Amino acid sequence: TNPILIAIIWGASMACSSVVIVTYFTMRQRAVSKDILGRAIATTP
């Protein structure tokens, strides 16, 4: 229940989420053909 530890643990968990997001977006750009990339980017969110 220590606020500093909560911030560090939760922050590290969110850092993992950011790694997932950046990796996924990069992978999507590589995998989806350019002619439908815009639709894929719009549909995902």
ModelCIF file with pLDDT and N, C-alpha, C, O atoms, coordinates in Angstrom:
data_MODEL
#
_entry.id   MODEL 
#
_entity.id                         1 
_entity.type                       polymer 
_entity.pdbx_number_of_molecules   1 
#
_entity_poly.entity_id                      1 
_entity_poly.type                           'polypeptide(L)' 
_entity_poly.nstd_linkage                   no 
_entity_poly.nstd_monomer                   no 
_entity_poly.pdbx_seq_one_letter_code       TNPILIAIIWGASMACSSVVIVTYFTMRQRAVSKDILGRAIATTP 
_entity_poly.pdbx_seq_one_letter_code_can   TNPILIAIIWGASMACSSVVIVTYFTMRQRAVSKDILGRAIATTP 
_entity_poly.pdbx_strand_id                 A 
#
loop_
_entity_poly_seq.entity_id 
_entity_poly_seq.num 
_entity_poly_seq.mon_id 
_entity_poly_seq.hetero 
1 1  THR n 
1 2  ASN n 
1 3  PRO n 
1 4  ILE n 
1 5  LEU n 
1 6  ILE n 
1 7  ALA n 
1 8  ILE n 
1 9  ILE n 
1 10 TRP n 
1 11 GLY n 
1 12 ALA n 
1 13 SER n 
1 14 MET n 
1 15 ALA n 
1 16 CYS n 
1 17 SER n 
1 18 SER n 
1 19 VAL n 
1 20 VAL n 
1 21 ILE n 
1 22 VAL n 
1 23 THR n 
1 24 TYR n 
1 25 PHE n 
1 26 THR n 
1 27 MET n 
1 28 ARG n 
1 29 GLN n 
1 30 ARG n 
1 31 ALA n 
1 32 VAL n 
1 33 SER n 
1 34 LYS n 
1 35 ASP n 
1 36 ILE n 
1 37 LEU n 
1 38 GLY n 
1 39 ARG n 
1 40 ALA n 
1 41 ILE n 
1 42 ALA n 
1 43 THR n 
1 44 THR n 
1 45 PRO n 
#
_struct_asym.id          A 
_struct_asym.entity_id   1 
#
loop_
_ma_qa_metric.id 
_ma_qa_metric.mode 
_ma_qa_metric.name 
_ma_qa_metric.software_group_id 
_ma_qa_metric.type 
1 global pLDDT . pLDDT 
2 local  pLDDT . pLDDT 
#
_ma_qa_metric_global.metric_id      1 
_ma_qa_metric_global.metric_value   90.20 
_ma_qa_metric_global.model_id       1 
_ma_qa_metric_global.ordinal_id     1 
#
loop_
_ma_qa_metric_local.label_asym_id 
_ma_qa_metric_local.label_comp_id 
_ma_qa_metric_local.label_seq_id 
_ma_qa_metric_local.metric_id 
_ma_qa_metric_local.metric_value 
_ma_qa_metric_local.model_id 
_ma_qa_metric_local.ordinal_id 
A THR 1  2 85.00 1 1  
A ASN 2  2 90.00 1 2  
A PRO 3  2 89.00 1 3  
A ILE 4  2 91.00 1 4  
A LEU 5  2 93.00 1 5  
A ILE 6  2 90.00 1 6  
A ALA 7  2 93.00 1 7  
A ILE 8  2 95.00 1 8  
A ILE 9  2 94.00 1 9  
A TRP 10 2 93.00 1 10 
A GLY 11 2 95.00 1 11 
A ALA 12 2 96.00 1 12 
A SER 13 2 96.00 1 13 
A MET 14 2 96.00 1 14 
A ALA 15 2 97.00 1 15 
A CYS 16 2 96.00 1 16 
A SER 17 2 95.00 1 17 
A SER 18 2 96.00 1 18 
A VAL 19 2 97.00 1 19 
A VAL 20 2 95.00 1 20 
A ILE 21 2 93.00 1 21 
A VAL 22 2 95.00 1 22 
A THR 23 2 95.00 1 23 
A TYR 24 2 92.00 1 24 
A PHE 25 2 90.00 1 25 
A THR 26 2 92.00 1 26 
A MET 27 2 90.00 1 27 
A ARG 28 2 87.00 1 28 
A GLN 29 2 87.00 1 29 
A ARG 30 2 88.00 1 30 
A ALA 31 2 86.00 1 31 
A VAL 32 2 86.00 1 32 
A SER 33 2 88.00 1 33 
A LYS 34 2 88.00 1 34 
A ASP 35 2 89.00 1 35 
A ILE 36 2 88.00 1 36 
A LEU 37 2 86.00 1 37 
A GLY 38 2 87.00 1 38 
A ARG 39 2 85.00 1 39 
A ALA 40 2 83.00 1 40 
A ILE 41 2 84.00 1 41 
A ALA 42 2 84.00 1 42 
A THR 43 2 85.00 1 43 
A THR 44 2 80.00 1 44 
A PRO 45 2 79.00 1 45 
#
loop_
_atom_site.group_PDB 
_atom_site.id 
_atom_site.type_symbol 
_atom_site.label_atom_id 
_atom_site.label_alt_id 
_atom_site.label_comp_id 
_atom_site.label_asym_id 
_atom_site.label_entity_id 
_atom_site.label_seq_id 
_atom_site.pdbx_PDB_ins_code 
_atom_site.Cartn_x 
_atom_site.Cartn_y 
_atom_site.Cartn_z 
_atom_site.occupancy 
_atom_site.B_iso_or_equiv 
_atom_site.pdbx_formal_charge 
_atom_site.auth_seq_id 
_atom_site.auth_comp_id 
_atom_site.auth_asym_id 
_atom_site.auth_atom_id 
_atom_site.pdbx_PDB_model_num 
ATOM 1   N N  . THR A 1 1  ? 0.847   -1.197 0.000   1.00 85.00 ? 1  THR A N  1 
ATOM 2   C CA . THR A 1 1  ? 0.000   0.000  0.000   1.00 85.00 ? 1  THR A CA 1 
ATOM 3   C C  . THR A 1 1  ? 0.882   1.246  0.000   1.00 85.00 ? 1  THR A C  1 
ATOM 4   O O  . THR A 1 1  ? 0.384   2.364  0.130   1.00 85.00 ? 1  THR A O  1 
ATOM 5   N N  . ASN A 1 2  ? 2.185   1.050  -0.146  1.00 90.00 ? 2  ASN A N  1 
ATOM 6   C CA . ASN A 1 2  ? 3.130   2.166  -0.202  1.00 90.00 ? 2  ASN A CA 1 
ATOM 7   C C  . ASN A 1 2  ? 2.957   2.899  -1.527  1.00 90.00 ? 2  ASN A C  1 
ATOM 8   O O  . ASN A 1 2  ? 3.126   2.291  -2.584  1.00 90.00 ? 2  ASN A O  1 
ATOM 9   N N  . PRO A 1 3  ? 2.625   4.187  -1.499  1.00 89.00 ? 3  PRO A N  1 
ATOM 10  C CA . PRO A 1 3  ? 2.374   4.928  -2.737  1.00 89.00 ? 3  PRO A CA 1 
ATOM 11  C C  . PRO A 1 3  ? 3.542   4.929  -3.729  1.00 89.00 ? 3  PRO A C  1 
ATOM 12  O O  . PRO A 1 3  ? 3.323   4.874  -4.939  1.00 89.00 ? 3  PRO A O  1 
ATOM 13  N N  . ILE A 1 4  ? 4.770   4.992  -3.231  1.00 91.00 ? 4  ILE A N  1 
ATOM 14  C CA . ILE A 1 4  ? 5.942   4.986  -4.116  1.00 91.00 ? 4  ILE A CA 1 
ATOM 15  C C  . ILE A 1 4  ? 6.066   3.639  -4.818  1.00 91.00 ? 4  ILE A C  1 
ATOM 16  O O  . ILE A 1 4  ? 6.298   3.582  -6.025  1.00 91.00 ? 4  ILE A O  1 
ATOM 17  N N  . LEU A 1 5  ? 5.913   2.564  -4.066  1.00 93.00 ? 5  LEU A N  1 
ATOM 18  C CA . LEU A 1 5  ? 5.987   1.227  -4.671  1.00 93.00 ? 5  LEU A CA 1 
ATOM 19  C C  . LEU A 1 5  ? 4.833   1.001  -5.654  1.00 93.00 ? 5  LEU A C  1 
ATOM 20  O O  . LEU A 1 5  ? 5.020   0.399  -6.711  1.00 93.00 ? 5  LEU A O  1 
ATOM 21  N N  . ILE A 1 6  ? 3.656   1.482  -5.301  1.00 90.00 ? 6  ILE A N  1 
ATOM 22  C CA . ILE A 1 6  ? 2.515   1.377  -6.216  1.00 90.00 ? 6  ILE A CA 1 
ATOM 23  C C  . ILE A 1 6  ? 2.843   2.085  -7.519  1.00 90.00 ? 6  ILE A C  1 
ATOM 24  O O  . ILE A 1 6  ? 2.600   1.546  -8.599  1.00 90.00 ? 6  ILE A O  1 
ATOM 25  N N  . ALA A 1 7  ? 3.390   3.285  -7.427  1.00 93.00 ? 7  ALA A N  1 
ATOM 26  C CA . ALA A 1 7  ? 3.730   4.053  -8.631  1.00 93.00 ? 7  ALA A CA 1 
ATOM 27  C C  . ALA A 1 7  ? 4.764   3.319  -9.478  1.00 93.00 ? 7  ALA A C  1 
ATOM 28  O O  . ALA A 1 7  ? 4.636   3.260  -10.701 1.00 93.00 ? 7  ALA A O  1 
ATOM 29  N N  . ILE A 1 8  ? 5.777   2.763  -8.840  1.00 95.00 ? 8  ILE A N  1 
ATOM 30  C CA . ILE A 1 8  ? 6.841   2.065  -9.581  1.00 95.00 ? 8  ILE A CA 1 
ATOM 31  C C  . ILE A 1 8  ? 6.300   0.781  -10.221 1.00 95.00 ? 8  ILE A C  1 
ATOM 32  O O  . ILE A 1 8  ? 6.561   0.510  -11.393 1.00 95.00 ? 8  ILE A O  1 
ATOM 33  N N  . ILE A 1 9  ? 5.552   -0.002 -9.451  1.00 94.00 ? 9  ILE A N  1 
ATOM 34  C CA . ILE A 1 9  ? 5.016   -1.262 -9.983  1.00 94.00 ? 9  ILE A CA 1 
ATOM 35  C C  . ILE A 1 9  ? 4.022   -0.999 -11.103 1.00 94.00 ? 9  ILE A C  1 
ATOM 36  O O  . ILE A 1 9  ? 4.100   -1.606 -12.171 1.00 94.00 ? 9  ILE A O  1 
ATOM 37  N N  . TRP A 1 10 ? 3.093   -0.098 -10.854 1.00 93.00 ? 10 TRP A N  1 
ATOM 38  C CA . TRP A 1 10 ? 2.086   0.225  -11.858 1.00 93.00 ? 10 TRP A CA 1 
ATOM 39  C C  . TRP A 1 10 ? 2.740   0.853  -13.082 1.00 93.00 ? 10 TRP A C  1 
ATOM 40  O O  . TRP A 1 10 ? 2.357   0.572  -14.217 1.00 93.00 ? 10 TRP A O  1 
ATOM 41  N N  . GLY A 1 11 ? 3.728   1.704  -12.839 1.00 95.00 ? 11 GLY A N  1 
ATOM 42  C CA . GLY A 1 11 ? 4.467   2.314  -13.944 1.00 95.00 ? 11 GLY A CA 1 
ATOM 43  C C  . GLY A 1 11 ? 5.195   1.280  -14.781 1.00 95.00 ? 11 GLY A C  1 
ATOM 44  O O  . GLY A 1 11 ? 5.202   1.371  -16.009 1.00 95.00 ? 11 GLY A O  1 
ATOM 45  N N  . ALA A 1 12 ? 5.814   0.291  -14.129 1.00 96.00 ? 12 ALA A N  1 
ATOM 46  C CA . ALA A 1 12 ? 6.506   -0.767 -14.866 1.00 96.00 ? 12 ALA A CA 1 
ATOM 47  C C  . ALA A 1 12 ? 5.507   -1.589 -15.683 1.00 96.00 ? 12 ALA A C  1 
ATOM 48  O O  . ALA A 1 12 ? 5.800   -1.989 -16.810 1.00 96.00 ? 12 ALA A O  1 
ATOM 49  N N  . SER A 1 13 ? 4.332   -1.837 -15.110 1.00 96.00 ? 13 SER A N  1 
ATOM 50  C CA . SER A 1 13 ? 3.292   -2.559 -15.841 1.00 96.00 ? 13 SER A CA 1 
ATOM 51  C C  . SER A 1 13 ? 2.847   -1.769 -17.070 1.00 96.00 ? 13 SER A C  1 
ATOM 52  O O  . SER A 1 13 ? 2.637   -2.340 -18.140 1.00 96.00 ? 13 SER A O  1 
ATOM 53  N N  . MET A 1 14 ? 2.707   -0.469 -16.913 1.00 96.00 ? 14 MET A N  1 
ATOM 54  C CA . MET A 1 14 ? 2.315   0.381  -18.042 1.00 96.00 ? 14 MET A CA 1 
ATOM 55  C C  . MET A 1 14 ? 3.445   0.501  -19.063 1.00 96.00 ? 14 MET A C  1 
ATOM 56  O O  . MET A 1 14 ? 3.182   0.650  -20.256 1.00 96.00 ? 14 MET A O  1 
ATOM 57  N N  . ALA A 1 15 ? 4.689   0.439  -18.613 1.00 97.00 ? 15 ALA A N  1 
ATOM 58  C CA . ALA A 1 15 ? 5.813   0.414  -19.552 1.00 97.00 ? 15 ALA A CA 1 
ATOM 59  C C  . ALA A 1 15 ? 5.730   -0.837 -20.425 1.00 97.00 ? 15 ALA A C  1 
ATOM 60  O O  . ALA A 1 15 ? 5.995   -0.788 -21.626 1.00 97.00 ? 15 ALA A O  1 
ATOM 61  N N  . CYS A 1 16 ? 5.359   -1.954 -19.807 1.00 96.00 ? 16 CYS A N  1 
ATOM 62  C CA . CYS A 1 16 ? 5.146   -3.191 -20.592 1.00 96.00 ? 16 CYS A CA 1 
ATOM 63  C C  . CYS A 1 16 ? 4.045   -2.978 -21.624 1.00 96.00 ? 16 CYS A C  1 
ATOM 64  O O  . CYS A 1 16 ? 4.169   -3.422 -22.765 1.00 96.00 ? 16 CYS A O  1 
ATOM 65  N N  . SER A 1 17 ? 2.977   -2.305 -21.232 1.00 95.00 ? 17 SER A N  1 
ATOM 66  C CA . SER A 1 17 ? 1.888   -2.019 -22.179 1.00 95.00 ? 17 SER A CA 1 
ATOM 67  C C  . SER A 1 17 ? 2.390   -1.164 -23.340 1.00 95.00 ? 17 SER A C  1 
ATOM 68  O O  . SER A 1 17 ? 2.013   -1.397 -24.489 1.00 95.00 ? 17 SER A O  1 
ATOM 69  N N  . SER A 1 18 ? 3.230   -0.185 -23.051 1.00 96.00 ? 18 SER A N  1 
ATOM 70  C CA . SER A 1 18 ? 3.771   0.661  -24.110 1.00 96.00 ? 18 SER A CA 1 
ATOM 71  C C  . SER A 1 18 ? 4.646   -0.145 -25.065 1.00 96.00 ? 18 SER A C  1 
ATOM 72  O O  . SER A 1 18 ? 4.607   0.067  -26.277 1.00 96.00 ? 18 SER A O  1 
ATOM 73  N N  . VAL A 1 19 ? 5.428   -1.061 -24.523 1.00 97.00 ? 19 VAL A N  1 
ATOM 74  C CA . VAL A 1 19 ? 6.250   -1.930 -25.379 1.00 97.00 ? 19 VAL A CA 1 
ATOM 75  C C  . VAL A 1 19 ? 5.342   -2.748 -26.294 1.00 97.00 ? 19 VAL A C  1 
ATOM 76  O O  . VAL A 1 19 ? 5.628   -2.891 -27.483 1.00 97.00 ? 19 VAL A O  1 
ATOM 77  N N  . VAL A 1 20 ? 4.256   -3.282 -25.752 1.00 95.00 ? 20 VAL A N  1 
ATOM 78  C CA . VAL A 1 20 ? 3.303   -4.048 -26.560 1.00 95.00 ? 20 VAL A CA 1 
ATOM 79  C C  . VAL A 1 20 ? 2.713   -3.179 -27.668 1.00 95.00 ? 20 VAL A C  1 
ATOM 80  O O  . VAL A 1 20 ? 2.645   -3.604 -28.822 1.00 95.00 ? 20 VAL A O  1 
ATOM 81  N N  . ILE A 1 21 ? 2.289   -1.976 -27.325 1.00 93.00 ? 21 ILE A N  1 
ATOM 82  C CA . ILE A 1 21 ? 1.635   -1.091 -28.297 1.00 93.00 ? 21 ILE A CA 1 
ATOM 83  C C  . ILE A 1 21 ? 2.586   -0.724 -29.430 1.00 93.00 ? 21 ILE A C  1 
ATOM 84  O O  . ILE A 1 21 ? 2.224   -0.834 -30.601 1.00 93.00 ? 21 ILE A O  1 
ATOM 85  N N  . VAL A 1 22 ? 3.790   -0.291 -29.096 1.00 95.00 ? 22 VAL A N  1 
ATOM 86  C CA . VAL A 1 22 ? 4.753   0.095  -30.127 1.00 95.00 ? 22 VAL A CA 1 
ATOM 87  C C  . VAL A 1 22 ? 5.109   -1.109 -31.005 1.00 95.00 ? 22 VAL A C  1 
ATOM 88  O O  . VAL A 1 22 ? 5.205   -0.989 -32.227 1.00 95.00 ? 22 VAL A O  1 
ATOM 89  N N  . THR A 1 23 ? 5.300   -2.253 -30.380 1.00 95.00 ? 23 THR A N  1 
ATOM 90  C CA . THR A 1 23 ? 5.638   -3.455 -31.138 1.00 95.00 ? 23 THR A CA 1 
ATOM 91  C C  . THR A 1 23 ? 4.495   -3.852 -32.062 1.00 95.00 ? 23 THR A C  1 
ATOM 92  O O  . THR A 1 23 ? 4.720   -4.192 -33.224 1.00 95.00 ? 23 THR A O  1 
ATOM 93  N N  . TYR A 1 24 ? 3.281   -3.810 -31.552 1.00 92.00 ? 24 TYR A N  1 
ATOM 94  C CA . TYR A 1 24 ? 2.113   -4.165 -32.365 1.00 92.00 ? 24 TYR A CA 1 
ATOM 95  C C  . TYR A 1 24 ? 1.959   -3.212 -33.553 1.00 92.00 ? 24 TYR A C  1 
ATOM 96  O O  . TYR A 1 24 ? 1.744   -3.653 -34.682 1.00 92.00 ? 24 TYR A O  1 
ATOM 97  N N  . PHE A 1 25 ? 2.067   -1.912 -33.297 1.00 90.00 ? 25 PHE A N  1 
ATOM 98  C CA . PHE A 1 25 ? 1.914   -0.938 -34.389 1.00 90.00 ? 25 PHE A CA 1 
ATOM 99  C C  . PHE A 1 25 ? 2.988   -1.136 -35.452 1.00 90.00 ? 25 PHE A C  1 
ATOM 100 O O  . PHE A 1 25 ? 2.711   -1.043 -36.648 1.00 90.00 ? 25 PHE A O  1 
ATOM 101 N N  . THR A 1 26 ? 4.215   -1.409 -35.012 1.00 92.00 ? 26 THR A N  1 
ATOM 102 C CA . THR A 1 26 ? 5.311   -1.650 -35.955 1.00 92.00 ? 26 THR A CA 1 
ATOM 103 C C  . THR A 1 26 ? 5.044   -2.911 -36.763 1.00 92.00 ? 26 THR A C  1 
ATOM 104 O O  . THR A 1 26 ? 5.231   -2.926 -37.980 1.00 92.00 ? 26 THR A O  1 
ATOM 105 N N  . MET A 1 27 ? 4.613   -3.958 -36.094 1.00 90.00 ? 27 MET A N  1 
ATOM 106 C CA . MET A 1 27 ? 4.307   -5.214 -36.769 1.00 90.00 ? 27 MET A CA 1 
ATOM 107 C C  . MET A 1 27 ? 3.156   -5.026 -37.774 1.00 90.00 ? 27 MET A C  1 
ATOM 108 O O  . MET A 1 27 ? 3.197   -5.561 -38.882 1.00 90.00 ? 27 MET A O  1 
ATOM 109 N N  . ARG A 1 28 ? 2.145   -4.269 -37.376 1.00 87.00 ? 28 ARG A N  1 
ATOM 110 C CA . ARG A 1 28 ? 1.009   -4.026 -38.269 1.00 87.00 ? 28 ARG A CA 1 
ATOM 111 C C  . ARG A 1 28 ? 1.456   -3.287 -39.524 1.00 87.00 ? 28 ARG A C  1 
ATOM 112 O O  . ARG A 1 28 ? 1.026   -3.623 -40.628 1.00 87.00 ? 28 ARG A O  1 
ATOM 113 N N  . GLN A 1 29 ? 2.309   -2.291 -39.366 1.00 87.00 ? 29 GLN A N  1 
ATOM 114 C CA . GLN A 1 29 ? 2.794   -1.549 -40.539 1.00 87.00 ? 29 GLN A CA 1 
ATOM 115 C C  . GLN A 1 29 ? 3.575   -2.437 -41.490 1.00 87.00 ? 29 GLN A C  1 
ATOM 116 O O  . GLN A 1 29 ? 3.510   -2.259 -42.707 1.00 87.00 ? 29 GLN A O  1 
ATOM 117 N N  . ARG A 1 30 ? 4.306   -3.385 -40.945 1.00 88.00 ? 30 ARG A N  1 
ATOM 118 C CA . ARG A 1 30 ? 5.082   -4.297 -41.785 1.00 88.00 ? 30 ARG A CA 1 
ATOM 119 C C  . ARG A 1 30 ? 4.198   -5.338 -42.466 1.00 88.00 ? 30 ARG A C  1 
ATOM 120 O O  . ARG A 1 30 ? 4.481   -5.750 -43.591 1.00 88.00 ? 30 ARG A O  1 
ATOM 121 N N  . ALA A 1 31 ? 3.134   -5.765 -41.794 1.00 86.00 ? 31 ALA A N  1 
ATOM 122 C CA . ALA A 1 31 ? 2.331   -6.884 -42.278 1.00 86.00 ? 31 ALA A CA 1 
ATOM 123 C C  . ALA A 1 31 ? 1.189   -6.488 -43.203 1.00 86.00 ? 31 ALA A C  1 
ATOM 124 O O  . ALA A 1 31 ? 0.809   -7.266 -44.078 1.00 86.00 ? 31 ALA A O  1 
ATOM 125 N N  . VAL A 1 32 ? 0.640   -5.302 -43.027 1.00 86.00 ? 32 VAL A N  1 
ATOM 126 C CA . VAL A 1 32 ? -0.540  -4.893 -43.797 1.00 86.00 ? 32 VAL A CA 1 
ATOM 127 C C  . VAL A 1 32 ? -0.088  -4.146 -45.041 1.00 86.00 ? 32 VAL A C  1 
ATOM 128 O O  . VAL A 1 32 ? 0.771   -3.266 -44.976 1.00 86.00 ? 32 VAL A O  1 
ATOM 129 N N  . SER A 1 33 ? -0.675  -4.506 -46.170 1.00 88.00 ? 33 SER A N  1 
ATOM 130 C CA . SER A 1 33 ? -0.293  -3.847 -47.421 1.00 88.00 ? 33 SER A CA 1 
ATOM 131 C C  . SER A 1 33 ? -0.675  -2.367 -47.382 1.00 88.00 ? 33 SER A C  1 
ATOM 132 O O  . SER A 1 33 ? -1.650  -1.974 -46.741 1.00 88.00 ? 33 SER A O  1 
ATOM 133 N N  . LYS A 1 34 ? 0.110   -1.569 -48.076 1.00 88.00 ? 34 LYS A N  1 
ATOM 134 C CA . LYS A 1 34 ? -0.051  -0.116 -48.040 1.00 88.00 ? 34 LYS A CA 1 
ATOM 135 C C  . LYS A 1 34 ? -1.441  0.340  -48.484 1.00 88.00 ? 34 LYS A C  1 
ATOM 136 O O  . LYS A 1 34 ? -1.948  1.348  -47.992 1.00 88.00 ? 34 LYS A O  1 
ATOM 137 N N  . ASP A 1 35 ? -2.058  -0.394 -49.410 1.00 89.00 ? 35 ASP A N  1 
ATOM 138 C CA . ASP A 1 35 ? -3.349  0.055  -49.939 1.00 89.00 ? 35 ASP A CA 1 
ATOM 139 C C  . ASP A 1 35 ? -4.498  -0.092 -48.932 1.00 89.00 ? 35 ASP A C  1 
ATOM 140 O O  . ASP A 1 35 ? -5.540  0.539  -49.104 1.00 89.00 ? 35 ASP A O  1 
ATOM 141 N N  . ILE A 1 36 ? -4.331  -0.905 -47.894 1.00 88.00 ? 36 ILE A N  1 
ATOM 142 C CA . ILE A 1 36 ? -5.388  -1.007 -46.881 1.00 88.00 ? 36 ILE A CA 1 
ATOM 143 C C  . ILE A 1 36 ? -4.903  -0.634 -45.474 1.00 88.00 ? 36 ILE A C  1 
ATOM 144 O O  . ILE A 1 36 ? -5.629  -0.813 -44.497 1.00 88.00 ? 36 ILE A O  1 
ATOM 145 N N  . LEU A 1 37 ? -3.692  -0.123 -45.379 1.00 86.00 ? 37 LEU A N  1 
ATOM 146 C CA . LEU A 1 37 ? -3.134  0.222  -44.070 1.00 86.00 ? 37 LEU A CA 1 
ATOM 147 C C  . LEU A 1 37 ? -3.985  1.271  -43.357 1.00 86.00 ? 37 LEU A C  1 
ATOM 148 O O  . LEU A 1 37 ? -4.208  1.164  -42.151 1.00 86.00 ? 37 LEU A O  1 
ATOM 149 N N  . GLY A 1 38 ? -4.452  2.257  -44.066 1.00 87.00 ? 38 GLY A N  1 
ATOM 150 C CA . GLY A 1 38 ? -5.287  3.297  -43.454 1.00 87.00 ? 38 GLY A CA 1 
ATOM 151 C C  . GLY A 1 38 ? -6.542  2.716  -42.819 1.00 87.00 ? 38 GLY A C  1 
ATOM 152 O O  . GLY A 1 38 ? -6.920  3.108  -41.715 1.00 87.00 ? 38 GLY A O  1 
ATOM 153 N N  . ARG A 1 39 ? -7.184  1.789  -43.509 1.00 85.00 ? 39 ARG A N  1 
ATOM 154 C CA . ARG A 1 39 ? -8.383  1.143  -42.963 1.00 85.00 ? 39 ARG A CA 1 
ATOM 155 C C  . ARG A 1 39 ? -8.036  0.296  -41.742 1.00 85.00 ? 39 ARG A C  1 
ATOM 156 O O  . ARG A 1 39 ? -8.785  0.268  -40.766 1.00 85.00 ? 39 ARG A O  1 
ATOM 157 N N  . ALA A 1 40 ? -6.903  -0.389 -41.802 1.00 83.00 ? 40 ALA A N  1 
ATOM 158 C CA . ALA A 1 40 ? -6.482  -1.206 -40.661 1.00 83.00 ? 40 ALA A CA 1 
ATOM 159 C C  . ALA A 1 40 ? -6.191  -0.325 -39.450 1.00 83.00 ? 40 ALA A C  1 
ATOM 160 O O  . ALA A 1 40 ? -6.554  -0.670 -38.326 1.00 83.00 ? 40 ALA A O  1 
ATOM 161 N N  . ILE A 1 41 ? -5.543  0.801  -39.680 1.00 84.00 ? 41 ILE A N  1 
ATOM 162 C CA . ILE A 1 41 ? -5.219  1.720  -38.594 1.00 84.00 ? 41 ILE A CA 1 
ATOM 163 C C  . ILE A 1 41 ? -6.490  2.323  -38.001 1.00 84.00 ? 41 ILE A C  1 
ATOM 164 O O  . ILE A 1 41 ? -6.574  2.518  -36.789 1.00 84.00 ? 41 ILE A O  1 
ATOM 165 N N  . ALA A 1 42 ? -7.469  2.617  -38.839 1.00 84.00 ? 42 ALA A N  1 
ATOM 166 C CA . ALA A 1 42 ? -8.727  3.198  -38.353 1.00 84.00 ? 42 ALA A CA 1 
ATOM 167 C C  . ALA A 1 42 ? -9.589  2.176  -37.623 1.00 84.00 ? 42 ALA A C  1 
ATOM 168 O O  . ALA A 1 42 ? -10.283 2.524  -36.668 1.00 84.00 ? 42 ALA A O  1 
ATOM 169 N N  . THR A 1 43 ? -9.553  0.941  -38.054 1.00 85.00 ? 43 THR A N  1 
ATOM 170 C CA . THR A 1 43 ? -10.409 -0.091 -37.471 1.00 85.00 ? 43 THR A CA 1 
ATOM 171 C C  . THR A 1 43 ? -9.886  -0.594 -36.133 1.00 85.00 ? 43 THR A C  1 
ATOM 172 O O  . THR A 1 43 ? -10.678 -0.911 -35.246 1.00 85.00 ? 43 THR A O  1 
ATOM 173 N N  . THR A 1 44 ? -8.589  -0.672 -35.973 1.00 80.00 ? 44 THR A N  1 
ATOM 174 C CA . THR A 1 44 ? -8.004  -1.224 -34.751 1.00 80.00 ? 44 THR A CA 1 
ATOM 175 C C  . THR A 1 44 ? -8.474  -0.494 -33.493 1.00 80.00 ? 44 THR A C  1 
ATOM 176 O O  . THR A 1 44 ? -8.934  -1.152 -32.560 1.00 80.00 ? 44 THR A O  1 
ATOM 177 N N  . PRO A 1 45 ? -8.378  0.844  -33.424 1.00 79.00 ? 45 PRO A N  1 
ATOM 178 C CA . PRO A 1 45 ? -8.847  1.505  -32.198 1.00 79.00 ? 45 PRO A CA 1 
ATOM 179 C C  . PRO A 1 45 ? -10.358 1.349  -31.990 1.00 79.00 ? 45 PRO A C  1 
ATOM 180 O O  . PRO A 1 45 ? -10.901 1.848  -31.004 1.00 79.00 ? 45 PRO A O  1 
#
